[in-house]
Amino acid sequence: MIDILNNKESIVNFVNRFFVAVDDRNWNRVKKQFAPEVQLDYSSMGAGAAASLKREEIIKQWSSFLPGFDNTHHQIGNHIIEHSLNTTTVVCYGTALHYLYNDSGDHIWRVVGSYNLELKADENNKWKIHLLRFNLKFADGNLDLPEMARKKVETANT
């Protein structure tokens, strides 16, 4: 019998499913993969200091921004997994493409970096994300797209 909590393939699949759920805007799945409270750190992108947030707060933030893009695509790889007593850490490379058709003709904002995740098993031996940190290496393409996406969501909600 395979120990799912110490099986690299199951951990990689869990992380990959998380990013696919974000791209699919499957907020219910994202919620199920988050712990009730998550240490979220996007400070390397100028998003303010790391903070401990309820999963519902994170989903509210993301769902008021990401749907403004026509599509997003997170490509994750080079998973490095380490186990300690109660926590599994995953470090992986990530490239996120954000596509939004617009009049400028420059439709893509690309963000490249790495992610740090801390996973802990819950009482049902299901992985939950307790920490999600993005470490920006660079961003290029149309750097105006994030604001355009925010405005698109705002307009759709009014």
C-alpha atoms as a PDB file:
ATOM      1  CA  MET A   1       0.000   0.000   0.000  1.00  0.00           C
ATOM      2  CA  ILE A   2       1.314   3.462  -0.937  1.00  0.00           C
ATOM      3  CA  ASP A   3       1.611   6.041   1.829  1.00  0.00           C
ATOM      4  CA  ILE A   4      -0.173   8.912   0.041  1.00  0.00           C
ATOM      5  CA  LEU A   5       1.221  11.528   2.428  1.00  0.00           C
ATOM      6  CA  ASN A   6       4.807  10.605   1.607  1.00  0.00           C
ATOM      7  CA  ASN A   7       4.289   9.784  -2.062  1.00  0.00           C
ATOM      8  CA  LYS A   8       6.000  12.345  -4.289  1.00  0.00           C
ATOM      9  CA  GLU A   9       3.635  11.737  -7.189  1.00  0.00           C
ATOM     10  CA  SER A  10       0.548  12.409  -5.054  1.00  0.00           C
ATOM     11  CA  ILE A  11       2.107  15.629  -3.730  1.00  0.00           C
ATOM     12  CA  VAL A  12       3.034  16.859  -7.215  1.00  0.00           C
ATOM     13  CA  ASN A  13      -0.478  16.008  -8.448  1.00  0.00           C
ATOM     14  CA  PHE A  14      -2.008  17.895  -5.522  1.00  0.00           C
ATOM     15  CA  VAL A  15       0.038  21.016  -6.299  1.00  0.00           C
ATOM     16  CA  ASN A  16      -0.645  20.773 -10.035  1.00  0.00           C
ATOM     17  CA  ARG A  17      -4.392  20.323  -9.436  1.00  0.00           C
ATOM     18  CA  PHE A  18      -4.358  23.455  -7.288  1.00  0.00           C
ATOM     19  CA  PHE A  19      -2.922  25.613 -10.079  1.00  0.00           C
ATOM     20  CA  VAL A  20      -5.253  24.054 -12.675  1.00  0.00           C
ATOM     21  CA  ALA A  21      -8.201  24.850 -10.380  1.00  0.00           C
ATOM     22  CA  VAL A  22      -7.048  28.481 -10.184  1.00  0.00           C
ATOM     23  CA  ASP A  23      -6.814  28.682 -13.994  1.00  0.00           C
ATOM     24  CA  ASP A  24     -10.240  27.046 -14.319  1.00  0.00           C
ATOM     25  CA  ARG A  25     -11.687  29.485 -11.736  1.00  0.00           C
ATOM     26  CA  ASN A  26     -12.849  26.432  -9.797  1.00  0.00           C
ATOM     27  CA  TRP A  27     -13.051  28.278  -6.479  1.00  0.00           C
ATOM     28  CA  ASN A  28     -14.732  25.357  -4.728  1.00  0.00           C
ATOM     29  CA  ARG A  29     -11.742  23.110  -5.477  1.00  0.00           C
ATOM     30  CA  VAL A  30      -9.296  25.861  -4.479  1.00  0.00           C
ATOM     31  CA  LYS A  31     -11.179  26.242  -1.186  1.00  0.00           C
ATOM     32  CA  LYS A  32     -10.945  22.496  -0.542  1.00  0.00           C
ATOM     33  CA  GLN A  33      -7.179  22.552  -1.079  1.00  0.00           C
ATOM     34  CA  PHE A  34      -6.574  25.501   1.237  1.00  0.00           C
ATOM     35  CA  ALA A  35      -6.401  25.176   5.003  1.00  0.00           C
ATOM     36  CA  PRO A  36      -8.984  27.349   6.789  1.00  0.00           C
ATOM     37  CA  GLU A  37      -6.226  29.951   7.288  1.00  0.00           C
ATOM     38  CA  VAL A  38      -3.334  30.407   4.860  1.00  0.00           C
ATOM     39  CA  GLN A  39      -0.134  32.413   5.082  1.00  0.00           C
ATOM     40  CA  LEU A  40      -0.209  34.197   1.711  1.00  0.00           C
ATOM     41  CA  ASP A  41       2.890  36.024   0.501  1.00  0.00           C
ATOM     42  CA  TYR A  42       2.976  37.839  -2.821  1.00  0.00           C
ATOM     43  CA  SER A  43       5.196  40.602  -1.407  1.00  0.00           C
ATOM     44  CA  SER A  44       7.809  40.021  -4.120  1.00  0.00           C
ATOM     45  CA  MET A  45       5.226  41.388  -6.566  1.00  0.00           C
ATOM     46  CA  GLY A  46       4.574  44.490  -4.485  1.00  0.00           C
ATOM     47  CA  ALA A  47       1.333  43.110  -3.042  1.00  0.00           C
ATOM     48  CA  GLY A  48       2.103  44.200   0.523  1.00  0.00           C
ATOM     49  CA  ALA A  49       3.453  42.172   3.390  1.00  0.00           C
ATOM     50  CA  ALA A  50       2.728  38.490   3.863  1.00  0.00           C
ATOM     51  CA  ALA A  51      -0.491  37.928   5.776  1.00  0.00           C
ATOM     52  CA  SER A  52      -2.445  35.139   7.373  1.00  0.00           C
ATOM     53  CA  LEU A  53      -5.818  35.115   5.606  1.00  0.00           C
ATOM     54  CA  LYS A  54      -8.917  32.995   5.713  1.00  0.00           C
ATOM     55  CA  ARG A  55      -9.246  30.919   2.556  1.00  0.00           C
ATOM     56  CA  GLU A  56     -12.512  32.714   1.729  1.00  0.00           C
ATOM     57  CA  GLU A  57     -10.682  36.072   1.756  1.00  0.00           C
ATOM     58  CA  ILE A  58      -8.076  34.789  -0.702  1.00  0.00           C
ATOM     59  CA  ILE A  59     -10.717  33.376  -3.011  1.00  0.00           C
ATOM     60  CA  LYS A  60     -12.639  36.665  -2.850  1.00  0.00           C
ATOM     61  CA  GLN A  61      -9.472  38.553  -3.857  1.00  0.00           C
ATOM     62  CA  TRP A  62      -8.587  36.184  -6.671  1.00  0.00           C
ATOM     63  CA  SER A  63     -12.146  35.925  -7.990  1.00  0.00           C
ATOM     64  CA  SER A  64     -12.321  39.713  -8.220  1.00  0.00           C
ATOM     65  CA  PHE A  65      -9.193  39.806 -10.370  1.00  0.00           C
ATOM     66  CA  LEU A  66      -8.424  36.636 -12.339  1.00  0.00           C
ATOM     67  CA  PRO A  67     -11.777  36.438 -14.200  1.00  0.00           C
ATOM     68  CA  GLY A  68     -10.848  39.789 -15.764  1.00  0.00           C
ATOM     69  CA  PHE A  69      -8.406  37.914 -17.971  1.00  0.00           C
ATOM     70  CA  ASP A  70      -9.707  35.949 -20.928  1.00  0.00           C
ATOM     71  CA  ASN A  71      -7.414  33.109 -19.825  1.00  0.00           C
ATOM     72  CA  THR A  72      -4.621  32.348 -17.398  1.00  0.00           C
ATOM     73  CA  HIS A  73      -2.158  29.497 -17.568  1.00  0.00           C
ATOM     74  CA  HIS A  74       0.126  28.445 -14.719  1.00  0.00           C
ATOM     75  CA  GLN A  75       2.941  26.140 -15.798  1.00  0.00           C
ATOM     76  CA  ILE A  76       4.514  24.511 -12.753  1.00  0.00           C
ATOM     77  CA  GLY A  77       7.586  22.296 -12.638  1.00  0.00           C
ATOM     78  CA  ASN A  78      10.846  21.281 -11.003  1.00  0.00           C
ATOM     79  CA  HIS A  79       9.086  20.265  -7.799  1.00  0.00           C
ATOM     80  CA  ILE A  80      11.413  19.847  -4.834  1.00  0.00           C
ATOM     81  CA  ILE A  81       9.686  18.127  -1.923  1.00  0.00           C
ATOM     82  CA  GLU A  82      10.911  17.849   1.632  1.00  0.00           C
ATOM     83  CA  HIS A  83       9.200  16.280   4.630  1.00  0.00           C
ATOM     84  CA  SER A  84       9.549  17.287   8.247  1.00  0.00           C
ATOM     85  CA  LEU A  85       7.645  15.990  11.210  1.00  0.00           C
ATOM     86  CA  ASN A  86       4.251  17.598  10.468  1.00  0.00           C
ATOM     87  CA  THR A  87       4.853  19.581   7.302  1.00  0.00           C
ATOM     88  CA  THR A  88       5.729  18.906   3.707  1.00  0.00           C
ATOM     89  CA  THR A  89       7.324  21.748   1.798  1.00  0.00           C
ATOM     90  CA  VAL A  90       7.202  22.060  -1.950  1.00  0.00           C
ATOM     91  CA  VAL A  91       9.329  24.446  -3.969  1.00  0.00           C
ATOM     92  CA  CYS A  92       8.559  24.672  -7.663  1.00  0.00           C
ATOM     93  CA  TYR A  93       9.159  26.917 -10.609  1.00  0.00           C
ATOM     94  CA  GLY A  94       6.165  28.724 -12.000  1.00  0.00           C
ATOM     95  CA  THR A  95       5.361  30.682 -15.116  1.00  0.00           C
ATOM     96  CA  ALA A  96       1.974  32.340 -15.263  1.00  0.00           C
ATOM     97  CA  LEU A  97       0.611  33.642 -18.537  1.00  0.00           C
ATOM     98  CA  HIS A  98      -2.305  36.057 -18.353  1.00  0.00           C
ATOM     99  CA  TYR A  99      -4.139  36.721 -21.621  1.00  0.00           C
ATOM    100  CA  LEU A 100      -6.518  39.621 -22.166  1.00  0.00           C
ATOM    101  CA  TYR A 101      -7.480  40.727 -25.632  1.00  0.00           C
ATOM    102  CA  ASN A 102      -7.241  44.516 -25.854  1.00  0.00           C
ATOM    103  CA  ASP A 103      -6.855  47.361 -28.335  1.00  0.00           C
ATOM    104  CA  SER A 104      -3.103  47.711 -27.752  1.00  0.00           C
ATOM    105  CA  GLY A 105      -2.438  44.410 -29.520  1.00  0.00           C
ATOM    106  CA  ASP A 106      -0.224  43.363 -26.592  1.00  0.00           C
ATOM    107  CA  HIS A 107      -2.420  40.695 -25.014  1.00  0.00           C
ATOM    108  CA  ILE A 108      -0.074  38.839 -22.636  1.00  0.00           C
ATOM    109  CA  TRP A 109       1.363  39.568 -19.200  1.00  0.00           C
ATOM    110  CA  ARG A 110       3.915  36.945 -18.160  1.00  0.00           C
ATOM    111  CA  VAL A 111       5.098  36.409 -14.597  1.00  0.00           C
ATOM    112  CA  VAL A 112       8.014  34.074 -13.844  1.00  0.00           C
ATOM    113  CA  GLY A 113       9.274  32.933 -10.472  1.00  0.00           C
ATOM    114  CA  SER A 114       9.034  30.153  -7.954  1.00  0.00           C
ATOM    115  CA  TYR A 115       6.495  29.058  -5.367  1.00  0.00           C
ATOM    116  CA  ASN A 116       6.959  27.845  -1.828  1.00  0.00           C
ATOM    117  CA  LEU A 117       4.092  25.821  -0.432  1.00  0.00           C
ATOM    118  CA  GLU A 118       3.690  24.239   2.973  1.00  0.00           C
ATOM    119  CA  LEU A 119       1.287  21.339   3.128  1.00  0.00           C
ATOM    120  CA  LYS A 120      -0.122  19.640   6.189  1.00  0.00           C
ATOM    121  CA  ALA A 121      -2.476  16.705   6.365  1.00  0.00           C
ATOM    122  CA  ASP A 122      -5.846  17.380   7.950  1.00  0.00           C
ATOM    123  CA  GLU A 123      -7.716  14.992  10.231  1.00  0.00           C
ATOM    124  CA  ASN A 124      -8.835  13.009   7.156  1.00  0.00           C
ATOM    125  CA  ASN A 125      -5.267  12.671   5.800  1.00  0.00           C
ATOM    126  CA  LYS A 126      -6.005  15.141   2.996  1.00  0.00           C
ATOM    127  CA  TRP A 127      -3.390  17.692   2.050  1.00  0.00           C
ATOM    128  CA  LYS A 128      -4.146  21.336   2.838  1.00  0.00           C
ATOM    129  CA  ILE A 129      -2.088  24.348   1.796  1.00  0.00           C
ATOM    130  CA  HIS A 130      -1.026  26.350   4.853  1.00  0.00           C
ATOM    131  CA  LEU A 131       1.498  28.621   3.138  1.00  0.00           C
ATOM    132  CA  LEU A 132       1.676  29.931  -0.409  1.00  0.00           C
ATOM    133  CA  ARG A 133       4.553  32.243  -1.318  1.00  0.00           C
ATOM    134  CA  PHE A 134       5.446  33.510  -4.770  1.00  0.00           C
ATOM    135  CA  ASN A 135       9.034  34.618  -5.412  1.00  0.00           C
ATOM    136  CA  LEU A 136       9.109  36.889  -8.449  1.00  0.00           C
ATOM    137  CA  LYS A 137      12.036  36.572 -10.831  1.00  0.00           C
ATOM    138  CA  PHE A 138      10.594  38.852 -13.526  1.00  0.00           C
ATOM    139  CA  ALA A 139       7.447  40.010 -15.247  1.00  0.00           C
ATOM    140  CA  ASP A 140       7.191  41.132 -18.833  1.00  0.00           C
ATOM    141  CA  GLY A 141       4.721  41.699 -21.604  1.00  0.00           C
ATOM    142  CA  ASN A 142       1.853  44.124 -21.144  1.00  0.00           C
ATOM    143  CA  LEU A 143       2.285  45.303 -17.563  1.00  0.00           C
ATOM    144  CA  ASP A 144      -0.998  47.259 -17.846  1.00  0.00           C
ATOM    145  CA  LEU A 145      -3.044  44.057 -18.097  1.00  0.00           C
ATOM    146  CA  PRO A 146      -3.546  43.561 -14.329  1.00  0.00           C
ATOM    147  CA  GLU A 147      -5.278  46.930 -14.016  1.00  0.00           C
ATOM    148  CA  MET A 148      -7.258  46.280 -17.204  1.00  0.00           C
ATOM    149  CA  ALA A 149      -8.406  42.931 -15.758  1.00  0.00           C
ATOM    150  CA  ARG A 150      -9.473  44.563 -12.473  1.00  0.00           C
ATOM    151  CA  LYS A 151     -11.482  47.172 -14.342  1.00  0.00           C
ATOM    152  CA  LYS A 152     -13.098  44.517 -16.525  1.00  0.00           C
ATOM    153  CA  VAL A 153     -14.307  42.626 -13.436  1.00  0.00           C
ATOM    154  CA  GLU A 154     -15.504  45.878 -11.811  1.00  0.00           C
ATOM    155  CA  THR A 155     -17.460  46.807 -14.923  1.00  0.00           C
ATOM    156  CA  ALA A 156     -19.012  43.344 -15.143  1.00  0.00           C
ATOM    157  CA  ASN A 157     -20.142  43.592 -11.505  1.00  0.00           C
ATOM    158  CA  THR A 158     -21.845  46.993 -11.878  1.00  0.00           C
END
